[in-house]
Amino acid sequence: VYYFKFTREFVVPIIREGRVHSLIILNLNLEADGSIASNLHSMEPKLRDNIMTSLITLSNDGTTFESITSVENYELIRSTVMDNLQSVVASGINNVLIVDMAKQDI
């Protein structure tokens, strides 16, 4: 098993009434097979793009990031990101780990 650590966190804006209301900061790691470890480093920009698209989609549903302490929301984030990553990396990623999550109101 190999743990891929992104070079920086993911910052997701939460928009209300056309303005940024808050920011969600996520530190994600990928649990992967060792056989794809070297590929993940070279694919980081594409992986980040895919994950940000997933996170923005979730931020637009209006509920997922409202309660960041909800286990159900953690699982929704994890499963949505994992499902969408499969379009970039067909096999070898076993799990999305949410290492840290914080919400900053603006």
C-alpha atoms as a PDB file:
ATOM      1  CA  VAL A   1       0.000   0.000   0.000  1.00  0.00           C
ATOM      2  CA  TYR A   2       1.208   3.482  -0.893  1.00  0.00           C
ATOM      3  CA  TYR A   3      -0.159   6.781   0.456  1.00  0.00           C
ATOM      4  CA  PHE A   4      -0.055   9.645  -2.032  1.00  0.00           C
ATOM      5  CA  LYS A   5       0.084  13.044  -0.363  1.00  0.00           C
ATOM      6  CA  PHE A   6      -0.864  16.075  -2.468  1.00  0.00           C
ATOM      7  CA  THR A   7       1.547  19.003  -2.440  1.00  0.00           C
ATOM      8  CA  ARG A   8      -1.099  21.369  -1.046  1.00  0.00           C
ATOM      9  CA  GLU A   9      -4.626  21.414   0.339  1.00  0.00           C
ATOM     10  CA  PHE A  10      -7.826  21.770  -1.630  1.00  0.00           C
ATOM     11  CA  VAL A  11      -9.707  25.039  -1.091  1.00  0.00           C
ATOM     12  CA  VAL A  12     -13.390  24.960  -1.990  1.00  0.00           C
ATOM     13  CA  PRO A  13     -15.460  28.166  -2.037  1.00  0.00           C
ATOM     14  CA  ILE A  14     -19.015  28.042  -0.715  1.00  0.00           C
ATOM     15  CA  ILE A  15     -21.140  30.534  -2.644  1.00  0.00           C
ATOM     16  CA  ARG A  16     -24.343  32.090  -1.335  1.00  0.00           C
ATOM     17  CA  GLU A  17     -26.298  34.767  -3.188  1.00  0.00           C
ATOM     18  CA  GLY A  18     -23.493  35.155  -5.704  1.00  0.00           C
ATOM     19  CA  ARG A  19     -20.750  35.779  -3.114  1.00  0.00           C
ATOM     20  CA  VAL A  20     -18.154  33.628  -1.394  1.00  0.00           C
ATOM     21  CA  HIS A  21     -19.633  32.914   2.039  1.00  0.00           C
ATOM     22  CA  SER A  22     -16.968  30.560   3.358  1.00  0.00           C
ATOM     23  CA  LEU A  23     -14.050  28.378   2.349  1.00  0.00           C
ATOM     24  CA  ILE A  24     -13.618  24.675   3.006  1.00  0.00           C
ATOM     25  CA  ILE A  25     -10.006  23.565   3.271  1.00  0.00           C
ATOM     26  CA  LEU A  26      -9.386  19.856   2.766  1.00  0.00           C
ATOM     27  CA  ASN A  27      -6.215  17.852   3.091  1.00  0.00           C
ATOM     28  CA  LEU A  28      -6.717  14.656   1.094  1.00  0.00           C
ATOM     29  CA  ASN A  29      -4.457  11.650   0.577  1.00  0.00           C
ATOM     30  CA  LEU A  30      -4.947   8.705  -1.732  1.00  0.00           C
ATOM     31  CA  GLU A  31      -4.452   5.126  -0.619  1.00  0.00           C
ATOM     32  CA  ALA A  32      -3.114   3.280  -3.660  1.00  0.00           C
ATOM     33  CA  ASP A  33      -1.329   0.178  -4.820  1.00  0.00           C
ATOM     34  CA  GLY A  34       2.433   0.553  -4.819  1.00  0.00           C
ATOM     35  CA  SER A  35       2.463  -0.360  -8.513  1.00  0.00           C
ATOM     36  CA  ILE A  36       0.975   3.030  -9.502  1.00  0.00           C
ATOM     37  CA  ALA A  37       2.922   5.205  -7.027  1.00  0.00           C
ATOM     38  CA  SER A  38       5.248   6.772  -9.600  1.00  0.00           C
ATOM     39  CA  ASN A  39       2.329   7.491 -11.951  1.00  0.00           C
ATOM     40  CA  LEU A  40       0.435   9.442  -9.290  1.00  0.00           C
ATOM     41  CA  HIS A  41       3.212  12.020  -8.924  1.00  0.00           C
ATOM     42  CA  SER A  42       3.296  12.782 -12.627  1.00  0.00           C
ATOM     43  CA  MET A  43      -0.513  12.891 -12.752  1.00  0.00           C
ATOM     44  CA  GLU A  44      -0.998  15.267  -9.816  1.00  0.00           C
ATOM     45  CA  PRO A  45      -2.319  18.210 -11.911  1.00  0.00           C
ATOM     46  CA  LYS A  46      -4.894  15.978 -13.587  1.00  0.00           C
ATOM     47  CA  LEU A  47      -5.850  14.362 -10.254  1.00  0.00           C
ATOM     48  CA  ARG A  48      -6.235  17.775  -8.589  1.00  0.00           C
ATOM     49  CA  ASP A  49      -8.424  19.017 -11.446  1.00  0.00           C
ATOM     50  CA  ASN A  50     -10.657  15.956 -11.196  1.00  0.00           C
ATOM     51  CA  ILE A  51     -10.945  16.243  -7.410  1.00  0.00           C
ATOM     52  CA  MET A  52     -11.659  19.990  -7.523  1.00  0.00           C
ATOM     53  CA  THR A  53     -14.443  19.374 -10.036  1.00  0.00           C
ATOM     54  CA  SER A  54     -15.942  16.815  -7.651  1.00  0.00           C
ATOM     55  CA  LEU A  55     -15.628  19.164  -4.668  1.00  0.00           C
ATOM     56  CA  ILE A  56     -17.138  22.136  -6.522  1.00  0.00           C
ATOM     57  CA  THR A  57     -20.056  19.940  -7.577  1.00  0.00           C
ATOM     58  CA  LEU A  58     -20.614  18.992  -3.932  1.00  0.00           C
ATOM     59  CA  SER A  59     -20.320  22.620  -2.798  1.00  0.00           C
ATOM     60  CA  ASN A  60     -23.105  23.553  -5.201  1.00  0.00           C
ATOM     61  CA  ASP A  61     -25.572  21.089  -3.664  1.00  0.00           C
ATOM     62  CA  GLY A  62     -25.978  23.501  -0.747  1.00  0.00           C
ATOM     63  CA  THR A  63     -25.795  20.902   2.021  1.00  0.00           C
ATOM     64  CA  THR A  64     -22.659  18.735   1.963  1.00  0.00           C
ATOM     65  CA  PHE A  65     -20.253  21.324   3.338  1.00  0.00           C
ATOM     66  CA  GLU A  66     -22.715  22.964   5.714  1.00  0.00           C
ATOM     67  CA  SER A  67     -22.042  20.380   8.406  1.00  0.00           C
ATOM     68  CA  ILE A  68     -18.413  19.326   8.192  1.00  0.00           C
ATOM     69  CA  THR A  69     -18.727  17.203  11.327  1.00  0.00           C
ATOM     70  CA  SER A  70     -21.326  14.911   9.784  1.00  0.00           C
ATOM     71  CA  VAL A  71     -20.001  11.388   9.163  1.00  0.00           C
ATOM     72  CA  GLU A  72     -22.525  11.012   6.337  1.00  0.00           C
ATOM     73  CA  ASN A  73     -21.074  14.081   4.608  1.00  0.00           C
ATOM     74  CA  TYR A  74     -17.521  12.713   5.018  1.00  0.00           C
ATOM     75  CA  GLU A  75     -18.607   9.506   3.348  1.00  0.00           C
ATOM     76  CA  LEU A  76     -20.371  11.418   0.558  1.00  0.00           C
ATOM     77  CA  ILE A  77     -17.219  13.464  -0.114  1.00  0.00           C
ATOM     78  CA  ARG A  78     -15.024  10.357  -0.038  1.00  0.00           C
ATOM     79  CA  SER A  79     -17.278   8.290  -2.332  1.00  0.00           C
ATOM     80  CA  THR A  80     -17.901  11.126  -4.827  1.00  0.00           C
ATOM     81  CA  VAL A  81     -14.192  11.882  -5.166  1.00  0.00           C
ATOM     82  CA  MET A  82     -13.350   8.169  -5.416  1.00  0.00           C
ATOM     83  CA  ASP A  83     -15.992   7.518  -8.090  1.00  0.00           C
ATOM     84  CA  ASN A  84     -14.839  10.471 -10.198  1.00  0.00           C
ATOM     85  CA  LEU A  85     -11.141   9.555  -9.868  1.00  0.00           C
ATOM     86  CA  GLN A  86     -11.858   6.246 -11.572  1.00  0.00           C
ATOM     87  CA  SER A  87     -12.305   8.155 -14.838  1.00  0.00           C
ATOM     88  CA  VAL A  88      -8.653   9.288 -14.555  1.00  0.00           C
ATOM     89  CA  VAL A  89      -7.069   6.221 -12.933  1.00  0.00           C
ATOM     90  CA  ALA A  90      -9.010   3.090 -13.829  1.00  0.00           C
ATOM     91  CA  SER A  91      -7.506   0.914 -11.091  1.00  0.00           C
ATOM     92  CA  GLY A  92      -5.049   1.093  -8.251  1.00  0.00           C
ATOM     93  CA  ILE A  93      -6.606   3.778  -6.058  1.00  0.00           C
ATOM     94  CA  ASN A  94      -8.201   2.025  -3.102  1.00  0.00           C
ATOM     95  CA  ASN A  95      -9.456   4.876  -0.948  1.00  0.00           C
ATOM     96  CA  VAL A  96      -9.641   8.639  -0.515  1.00  0.00           C
ATOM     97  CA  LEU A  97      -8.498   9.685   2.946  1.00  0.00           C
ATOM     98  CA  ILE A  98      -9.760  12.937   4.444  1.00  0.00           C
ATOM     99  CA  VAL A  99      -6.815  13.856   6.654  1.00  0.00           C
ATOM    100  CA  ASP A 100      -7.995  17.336   7.696  1.00  0.00           C
ATOM    101  CA  MET A 101     -10.996  19.509   6.996  1.00  0.00           C
ATOM    102  CA  ALA A 102     -11.711  23.046   8.148  1.00  0.00           C
ATOM    103  CA  LYS A 103     -14.288  25.708   7.380  1.00  0.00           C
ATOM    104  CA  GLN A 104     -13.501  29.410   7.370  1.00  0.00           C
ATOM    105  CA  ASP A 105     -16.382  31.873   7.230  1.00  0.00           C
ATOM    106  CA  ILE A 106     -15.693  35.083   5.332  1.00  0.00           C
END
